PDB file of all heavy atoms in Angstrom:
ATOM      1  N   PHE A   1      -9.305 -12.301  -2.038  1.00  0.00           N
ATOM      2  CA  PHE A   1      -8.273 -11.886  -1.084  1.00  0.00           C
ATOM      3  C   PHE A   1      -7.429 -10.717  -1.598  1.00  0.00           C
ATOM      4  O   PHE A   1      -7.237  -9.722  -0.901  1.00  0.00           O
ATOM      5  CB  PHE A   1      -7.365 -13.080  -0.770  1.00  0.00           C
ATOM      6  CG  PHE A   1      -6.297 -12.797   0.250  1.00  0.00           C
ATOM      7  CD1 PHE A   1      -6.485 -13.117   1.582  1.00  0.00           C
ATOM      8  CD2 PHE A   1      -5.087 -12.227  -0.109  1.00  0.00           C
ATOM      9  CE1 PHE A   1      -5.505 -12.866   2.531  1.00  0.00           C
ATOM     10  CE2 PHE A   1      -4.099 -11.970   0.823  1.00  0.00           C
ATOM     11  CZ  PHE A   1      -4.317 -12.289   2.151  1.00  0.00           C
ATOM     12  N   THR A   2      -6.918 -10.831  -2.828  1.00  0.00           N
ATOM     13  CA  THR A   2      -5.891  -9.912  -3.302  1.00  0.00           C
ATOM     14  C   THR A   2      -6.338  -8.454  -3.363  1.00  0.00           C
ATOM     15  O   THR A   2      -5.652  -7.572  -2.834  1.00  0.00           O
ATOM     16  CB  THR A   2      -5.343 -10.370  -4.659  1.00  0.00           C
ATOM     17  OG1 THR A   2      -4.807 -11.693  -4.532  1.00  0.00           O
ATOM     18  CG2 THR A   2      -4.251  -9.439  -5.146  1.00  0.00           C
ATOM     19  N   PRO A   3      -7.475  -8.099  -4.017  1.00  0.00           N
ATOM     20  CA  PRO A   3      -7.846  -6.681  -4.045  1.00  0.00           C
ATOM     21  C   PRO A   3      -8.172  -6.117  -2.669  1.00  0.00           C
ATOM     22  O   PRO A   3      -7.915  -4.937  -2.405  1.00  0.00           O
ATOM     23  CB  PRO A   3      -9.067  -6.649  -4.973  1.00  0.00           C
ATOM     24  CG  PRO A   3      -9.558  -8.031  -5.033  1.00  0.00           C
ATOM     25  CD  PRO A   3      -8.393  -8.925  -4.817  1.00  0.00           C
ATOM     26  N   THR A   4      -8.742  -6.950  -1.783  1.00  0.00           N
ATOM     27  CA  THR A   4      -9.010  -6.493  -0.426  1.00  0.00           C
ATOM     28  C   THR A   4      -7.707  -6.166   0.295  1.00  0.00           C
ATOM     29  O   THR A   4      -7.582  -5.138   0.967  1.00  0.00           O
ATOM     30  CB  THR A   4      -9.789  -7.563   0.356  1.00  0.00           C
ATOM     31  OG1 THR A   4     -10.973  -7.923  -0.357  1.00  0.00           O
ATOM     32  CG2 THR A   4     -10.167  -7.056   1.738  1.00  0.00           C
ATOM     33  N   PHE A   5      -6.718  -7.035   0.150  1.00  0.00           N
ATOM     34  CA  PHE A   5      -5.405  -6.815   0.748  1.00  0.00           C
ATOM     35  C   PHE A   5      -4.738  -5.560   0.171  1.00  0.00           C
ATOM     36  O   PHE A   5      -4.217  -4.718   0.899  1.00  0.00           O
ATOM     37  CB  PHE A   5      -4.527  -8.038   0.507  1.00  0.00           C
ATOM     38  CG  PHE A   5      -3.155  -7.949   1.114  1.00  0.00           C
ATOM     39  CD1 PHE A   5      -2.911  -8.414   2.397  1.00  0.00           C
ATOM     40  CD2 PHE A   5      -2.101  -7.404   0.404  1.00  0.00           C
ATOM     41  CE1 PHE A   5      -1.646  -8.337   2.952  1.00  0.00           C
ATOM     42  CE2 PHE A   5      -0.832  -7.320   0.962  1.00  0.00           C
ATOM     43  CZ  PHE A   5      -0.606  -7.791   2.229  1.00  0.00           C
ATOM     44  N   GLN A   6      -4.762  -5.418  -1.158  1.00  0.00           N
ATOM     45  CA  GLN A   6      -4.109  -4.291  -1.815  1.00  0.00           C
ATOM     46  C   GLN A   6      -4.720  -2.957  -1.409  1.00  0.00           C
ATOM     47  O   GLN A   6      -4.009  -1.959  -1.230  1.00  0.00           O
ATOM     48  CB  GLN A   6      -4.178  -4.457  -3.331  1.00  0.00           C
ATOM     49  CG  GLN A   6      -3.301  -5.573  -3.869  1.00  0.00           C
ATOM     50  CD  GLN A   6      -3.501  -5.802  -5.350  1.00  0.00           C
ATOM     51  OE1 GLN A   6      -4.563  -5.529  -5.917  1.00  0.00           O
ATOM     52  NE2 GLN A   6      -2.479  -6.322  -6.015  1.00  0.00           N
ATOM     53  N   SER A   7      -6.026  -2.915  -1.263  1.00  0.00           N
ATOM     54  CA  SER A   7      -6.698  -1.665  -0.912  1.00  0.00           C
ATOM     55  C   SER A   7      -6.442  -1.266   0.534  1.00  0.00           C
ATOM     56  O   SER A   7      -6.697  -0.120   0.911  1.00  0.00           O
ATOM     57  CB  SER A   7      -8.201  -1.783  -1.174  1.00  0.00           C
ATOM     58  OG  SER A   7      -8.803  -2.715  -0.298  1.00  0.00           O
ATOM     59  N   THR A   8      -5.951  -2.193   1.353  1.00  0.00           N
ATOM     60  CA  THR A   8      -5.645  -1.893   2.741  1.00  0.00           C
ATOM     61  C   THR A   8      -4.356  -1.080   2.876  1.00  0.00           C
ATOM     62  O   THR A   8      -4.224  -0.261   3.788  1.00  0.00           O
ATOM     63  CB  THR A   8      -5.515  -3.198   3.547  1.00  0.00           C
ATOM     64  OG1 THR A   8      -6.714  -3.958   3.421  1.00  0.00           O
ATOM     65  CG2 THR A   8      -5.259  -2.924   5.019  1.00  0.00           C
ATOM     66  N   ILE A   9      -3.406  -1.286   1.978  1.00  0.00           N
ATOM     67  CA  ILE A   9      -2.083  -0.689   2.110  1.00  0.00           C
ATOM     68  C   ILE A   9      -2.111   0.840   2.060  1.00  0.00           C
ATOM     69  O   ILE A   9      -1.495   1.494   2.913  1.00  0.00           O
ATOM     70  CB  ILE A   9      -1.118  -1.255   1.051  1.00  0.00           C
ATOM     71  CG1 ILE A   9      -1.066  -2.779   1.147  1.00  0.00           C
ATOM     72  CG2 ILE A   9       0.281  -0.669   1.248  1.00  0.00           C
ATOM     73  CD1 ILE A   9      -0.696  -3.311   2.508  1.00  0.00           C
ATOM     74  N   PRO A  10      -2.762   1.492   1.070  1.00  0.00           N
ATOM     75  CA  PRO A  10      -2.765   2.956   1.078  1.00  0.00           C
ATOM     76  C   PRO A  10      -3.439   3.564   2.307  1.00  0.00           C
ATOM     77  O   PRO A  10      -3.093   4.673   2.711  1.00  0.00           O
ATOM     78  CB  PRO A  10      -3.520   3.331  -0.211  1.00  0.00           C
ATOM     79  CG  PRO A  10      -4.165   2.111  -0.670  1.00  0.00           C
ATOM     80  CD  PRO A  10      -3.417   0.953  -0.129  1.00  0.00           C
ATOM     81  N   ASP A  11      -4.373   2.849   2.925  1.00  0.00           N
ATOM     82  CA  ASP A  11      -4.972   3.339   4.168  1.00  0.00           C
ATOM     83  C   ASP A  11      -4.016   3.154   5.343  1.00  0.00           C
ATOM     84  O   ASP A  11      -4.060   3.913   6.309  1.00  0.00           O
ATOM     85  CB  ASP A  11      -6.293   2.619   4.448  1.00  0.00           C
ATOM     86  CG  ASP A  11      -7.363   2.969   3.425  1.00  0.00           C
ATOM     87  OD1 ASP A  11      -7.414   4.139   3.003  1.00  0.00           O
ATOM     88  OD2 ASP A  11      -8.144   2.079   3.037  1.00  0.00           O
ATOM     89  N   THR A  12      -3.161   2.154   5.265  1.00  0.00           N
ATOM     90  CA  THR A  12      -2.160   1.929   6.310  1.00  0.00           C
ATOM     91  C   THR A  12      -1.005   2.914   6.199  1.00  0.00           C
ATOM     92  O   THR A  12      -0.461   3.370   7.209  1.00  0.00           O
ATOM     93  CB  THR A  12      -1.624   0.484   6.211  1.00  0.00           C
ATOM     94  OG1 THR A  12      -2.704  -0.451   6.284  1.00  0.00           O
ATOM     95  CG2 THR A  12      -0.627   0.194   7.319  1.00  0.00           C
ATOM     96  N   LEU A  13      -0.634   3.271   4.947  1.00  0.00           N
ATOM     97  CA  LEU A  13       0.475   4.195   4.679  1.00  0.00           C
ATOM     98  C   LEU A  13      -0.037   5.354   3.819  1.00  0.00           C
ATOM     99  O   LEU A  13       0.147   5.367   2.608  1.00  0.00           O
ATOM    100  CB  LEU A  13       1.610   3.466   3.961  1.00  0.00           C
ATOM    101  CG  LEU A  13       2.262   2.298   4.713  1.00  0.00           C
ATOM    102  CD1 LEU A  13       3.186   1.528   3.786  1.00  0.00           C
ATOM    103  CD2 LEU A  13       3.026   2.785   5.933  1.00  0.00           C
ATOM    104  N   PRO A  14      -0.676   6.354   4.422  1.00  0.00           N
ATOM    105  CA  PRO A  14      -1.273   7.436   3.626  1.00  0.00           C
ATOM    106  C   PRO A  14      -0.257   8.346   2.944  1.00  0.00           C
ATOM    107  O   PRO A  14      -0.581   8.988   1.948  1.00  0.00           O
ATOM    108  CB  PRO A  14      -2.111   8.219   4.654  1.00  0.00           C
ATOM    109  CG  PRO A  14      -1.504   7.880   5.979  1.00  0.00           C
ATOM    110  CD  PRO A  14      -0.978   6.485   5.860  1.00  0.00           C
ATOM    111  N   ASN A  15       0.993   8.417   3.446  1.00  0.00           N
ATOM    112  CA  ASN A  15       2.015   9.240   2.809  1.00  0.00           C
ATOM    113  C   ASN A  15       2.408   8.634   1.457  1.00  0.00           C
ATOM    114  O   ASN A  15       2.694   7.437   1.360  1.00  0.00           O
ATOM    115  CB  ASN A  15       3.241   9.345   3.717  1.00  0.00           C
ATOM    116  CG  ASN A  15       4.364  10.172   3.103  1.00  0.00           C
ATOM    117  OD1 ASN A  15       5.199   9.663   2.362  1.00  0.00           O
ATOM    118  ND2 ASN A  15       4.380  11.464   3.419  1.00  0.00           N
ATOM    119  N   GLU A  16       2.422   9.490   0.394  1.00  0.00           N
ATOM    120  CA  GLU A  16       2.651   8.978  -0.962  1.00  0.00           C
ATOM    121  C   GLU A  16       4.028   8.336  -1.124  1.00  0.00           C
ATOM    122  O   GLU A  16       4.168   7.303  -1.766  1.00  0.00           O
ATOM    123  CB  GLU A  16       2.483  10.098  -1.999  1.00  0.00           C
ATOM    124  CG  GLU A  16       2.589   9.595  -3.435  1.00  0.00           C
ATOM    125  CD  GLU A  16       2.284  10.652  -4.475  1.00  0.00           C
ATOM    126  OE1 GLU A  16       1.759  11.709  -4.100  1.00  0.00           O
ATOM    127  OE2 GLU A  16       2.557  10.407  -5.659  1.00  0.00           O
ATOM    128  N   ASP A  17       5.080   8.936  -0.541  1.00  0.00           N
ATOM    129  CA  ASP A  17       6.418   8.357  -0.642  1.00  0.00           C
ATOM    130  C   ASP A  17       6.472   6.994   0.044  1.00  0.00           C
ATOM    131  O   ASP A  17       7.096   6.044  -0.462  1.00  0.00           O
ATOM    132  CB  ASP A  17       7.457   9.300  -0.044  1.00  0.00           C
ATOM    133  CG  ASP A  17       7.714  10.520  -0.918  1.00  0.00           C
ATOM    134  OD1 ASP A  17       7.399  10.460  -2.135  1.00  0.00           O
ATOM    135  OD2 ASP A  17       8.230  11.526  -0.396  1.00  0.00           O
ATOM    136  N   ASP A  18       5.844   6.905   1.221  1.00  0.00           N
ATOM    137  CA  ASP A  18       5.802   5.629   1.929  1.00  0.00           C
ATOM    138  C   ASP A  18       5.053   4.587   1.103  1.00  0.00           C
ATOM    139  O   ASP A  18       5.455   3.421   1.031  1.00  0.00           O
ATOM    140  CB  ASP A  18       5.127   5.796   3.293  1.00  0.00           C
ATOM    141  CG  ASP A  18       5.996   6.535   4.293  1.00  0.00           C
ATOM    142  OD1 ASP A  18       7.232   6.633   4.057  1.00  0.00           O
ATOM    143  OD2 ASP A  18       5.449   7.022   5.306  1.00  0.00           O
ATOM    144  N   TYR A  19       3.961   5.023   0.489  1.00  0.00           N
ATOM    145  CA  TYR A  19       3.177   4.105  -0.320  1.00  0.00           C
ATOM    146  C   TYR A  19       3.969   3.625  -1.543  1.00  0.00           C
ATOM    147  O   TYR A  19       3.906   2.445  -1.914  1.00  0.00           O
ATOM    148  CB  TYR A  19       1.871   4.767  -0.750  1.00  0.00           C
ATOM    149  CG  TYR A  19       0.966   3.857  -1.554  1.00  0.00           C
ATOM    150  CD1 TYR A  19       0.662   2.581  -1.118  1.00  0.00           C
ATOM    151  CD2 TYR A  19       0.426   4.281  -2.754  1.00  0.00           C
ATOM    152  CE1 TYR A  19      -0.173   1.743  -1.856  1.00  0.00           C
ATOM    153  CE2 TYR A  19      -0.407   3.455  -3.500  1.00  0.00           C
ATOM    154  CZ  TYR A  19      -0.695   2.190  -3.046  1.00  0.00           C
ATOM    155  OH  TYR A  19      -1.501   1.369  -3.785  1.00  0.00           O
ATOM    156  N   THR A  20       4.736   4.519  -2.156  1.00  0.00           N
ATOM    157  CA  THR A  20       5.582   4.129  -3.288  1.00  0.00           C
ATOM    158  C   THR A  20       6.598   3.072  -2.863  1.00  0.00           C
ATOM    159  O   THR A  20       6.843   2.088  -3.572  1.00  0.00           O
ATOM    160  CB  THR A  20       6.307   5.354  -3.869  1.00  0.00           C
ATOM    161  OG1 THR A  20       5.344   6.303  -4.325  1.00  0.00           O
ATOM    162  CG2 THR A  20       7.187   4.953  -5.048  1.00  0.00           C
ATOM    163  N   ARG A  21       7.207   3.284  -1.686  1.00  0.00           N
ATOM    164  CA  ARG A  21       8.151   2.293  -1.157  1.00  0.00           C
ATOM    165  C   ARG A  21       7.438   0.963  -0.889  1.00  0.00           C
ATOM    166  O   ARG A  21       7.990  -0.115  -1.138  1.00  0.00           O
ATOM    167  CB  ARG A  21       8.805   2.819   0.111  1.00  0.00           C
ATOM    168  CG  ARG A  21       9.672   4.071  -0.096  1.00  0.00           C
ATOM    169  CD  ARG A  21      10.405   4.444   1.184  1.00  0.00           C
ATOM    170  NE  ARG A  21      11.108   5.712   1.052  1.00  0.00           N
ATOM    171  CZ  ARG A  21      10.627   6.878   1.473  1.00  0.00           C
ATOM    172  NH1 ARG A  21       9.424   6.927   2.083  1.00  0.00           N
ATOM    173  NH2 ARG A  21      11.309   7.997   1.290  1.00  0.00           N
ATOM    174  N   ALA A  22       6.214   1.050  -0.374  1.00  0.00           N
ATOM    175  CA  ALA A  22       5.452  -0.166  -0.102  1.00  0.00           C
ATOM    176  C   ALA A  22       5.150  -0.927  -1.386  1.00  0.00           C
ATOM    177  O   ALA A  22       5.166  -2.164  -1.410  1.00  0.00           O
ATOM    178  CB  ALA A  22       4.154   0.172   0.623  1.00  0.00           C
ATOM    179  N   LEU A  23       4.876  -0.205  -2.469  1.00  0.00           N
ATOM    180  CA  LEU A  23       4.625  -0.855  -3.750  1.00  0.00           C
ATOM    181  C   LEU A  23       5.852  -1.616  -4.227  1.00  0.00           C
ATOM    182  O   LEU A  23       5.748  -2.723  -4.762  1.00  0.00           O
ATOM    183  CB  LEU A  23       4.202   0.183  -4.792  1.00  0.00           C
ATOM    184  CG  LEU A  23       2.814   0.804  -4.616  1.00  0.00           C
ATOM    185  CD1 LEU A  23       2.612   1.918  -5.622  1.00  0.00           C
ATOM    186  CD2 LEU A  23       1.730  -0.247  -4.761  1.00  0.00           C
ATOM    187  N   SER A  24       7.026  -1.010  -4.047  1.00  0.00           N
ATOM    188  CA  SER A  24       8.252  -1.697  -4.447  1.00  0.00           C
ATOM    189  C   SER A  24       8.488  -2.930  -3.586  1.00  0.00           C
ATOM    190  O   SER A  24       8.884  -3.989  -4.090  1.00  0.00           O
ATOM    191  CB  SER A  24       9.449  -0.744  -4.361  1.00  0.00           C
ATOM    192  OG  SER A  24       9.375   0.243  -5.359  1.00  0.00           O
ATOM    193  N   LEU A  25       8.240  -2.800  -2.280  1.00  0.00           N
ATOM    194  CA  LEU A  25       8.389  -3.962  -1.413  1.00  0.00           C
ATOM    195  C   LEU A  25       7.377  -5.046  -1.776  1.00  0.00           C
ATOM    196  O   LEU A  25       7.684  -6.236  -1.745  1.00  0.00           O
ATOM    197  CB  LEU A  25       8.214  -3.557   0.053  1.00  0.00           C
ATOM    198  CG  LEU A  25       9.416  -2.910   0.747  1.00  0.00           C
ATOM    199  CD1 LEU A  25       9.074  -2.572   2.192  1.00  0.00           C
ATOM    200  CD2 LEU A  25      10.619  -3.857   0.718  1.00  0.00           C
ATOM    201  N   SER A  26       6.155  -4.619  -2.123  1.00  0.00           N
ATOM    202  CA  SER A  26       5.142  -5.583  -2.534  1.00  0.00           C
ATOM    203  C   SER A  26       5.572  -6.309  -3.805  1.00  0.00           C
ATOM    204  O   SER A  26       5.389  -7.520  -3.936  1.00  0.00           O
ATOM    205  CB  SER A  26       3.811  -4.868  -2.759  1.00  0.00           C
ATOM    206  OG  SER A  26       2.806  -5.782  -3.164  1.00  0.00           O
TER     207      SER A  26
END
Protein backbone atom coordinates (compact mmCIF):
# COMPACT_ATOMS: atom_id res chain seq x y z
CA PHE A 1 0.00 0.00 0.00
CA THR A 2 2.50 2.62 1.17
CA PRO A 3 4.84 3.03 -1.86
CA THR A 4 1.86 2.96 -4.23
CA PHE A 5 0.17 5.70 -2.19
CA GLN A 6 3.37 7.78 -1.93
CA SER A 7 4.06 7.65 -5.66
CA THR A 8 0.57 8.99 -6.35
CA ILE A 9 1.16 12.31 -4.58
CA PRO A 10 3.75 13.90 -6.94
CA ASP A 11 1.47 13.06 -9.88
CA THR A 12 -1.43 14.70 -8.05
CA LEU A 13 0.64 17.80 -7.15
CA PRO A 14 3.22 18.32 -9.93
CA ASN A 15 4.28 21.78 -8.64
CA GLU A 16 7.43 21.38 -6.50
CA ASP A 17 6.36 23.89 -3.82
CA ASP A 18 2.97 22.20 -3.52
CA TYR A 19 4.67 18.83 -3.29
CA THR A 20 6.99 20.10 -0.53
CA ARG A 21 3.94 21.29 1.42
CA ALA A 22 2.31 17.91 0.84
CA LEU A 23 5.38 16.16 2.26
CA SER A 24 5.13 18.23 5.42
CA LEU A 25 1.43 17.49 5.72
CA SER A 26 2.17 13.81 5.14
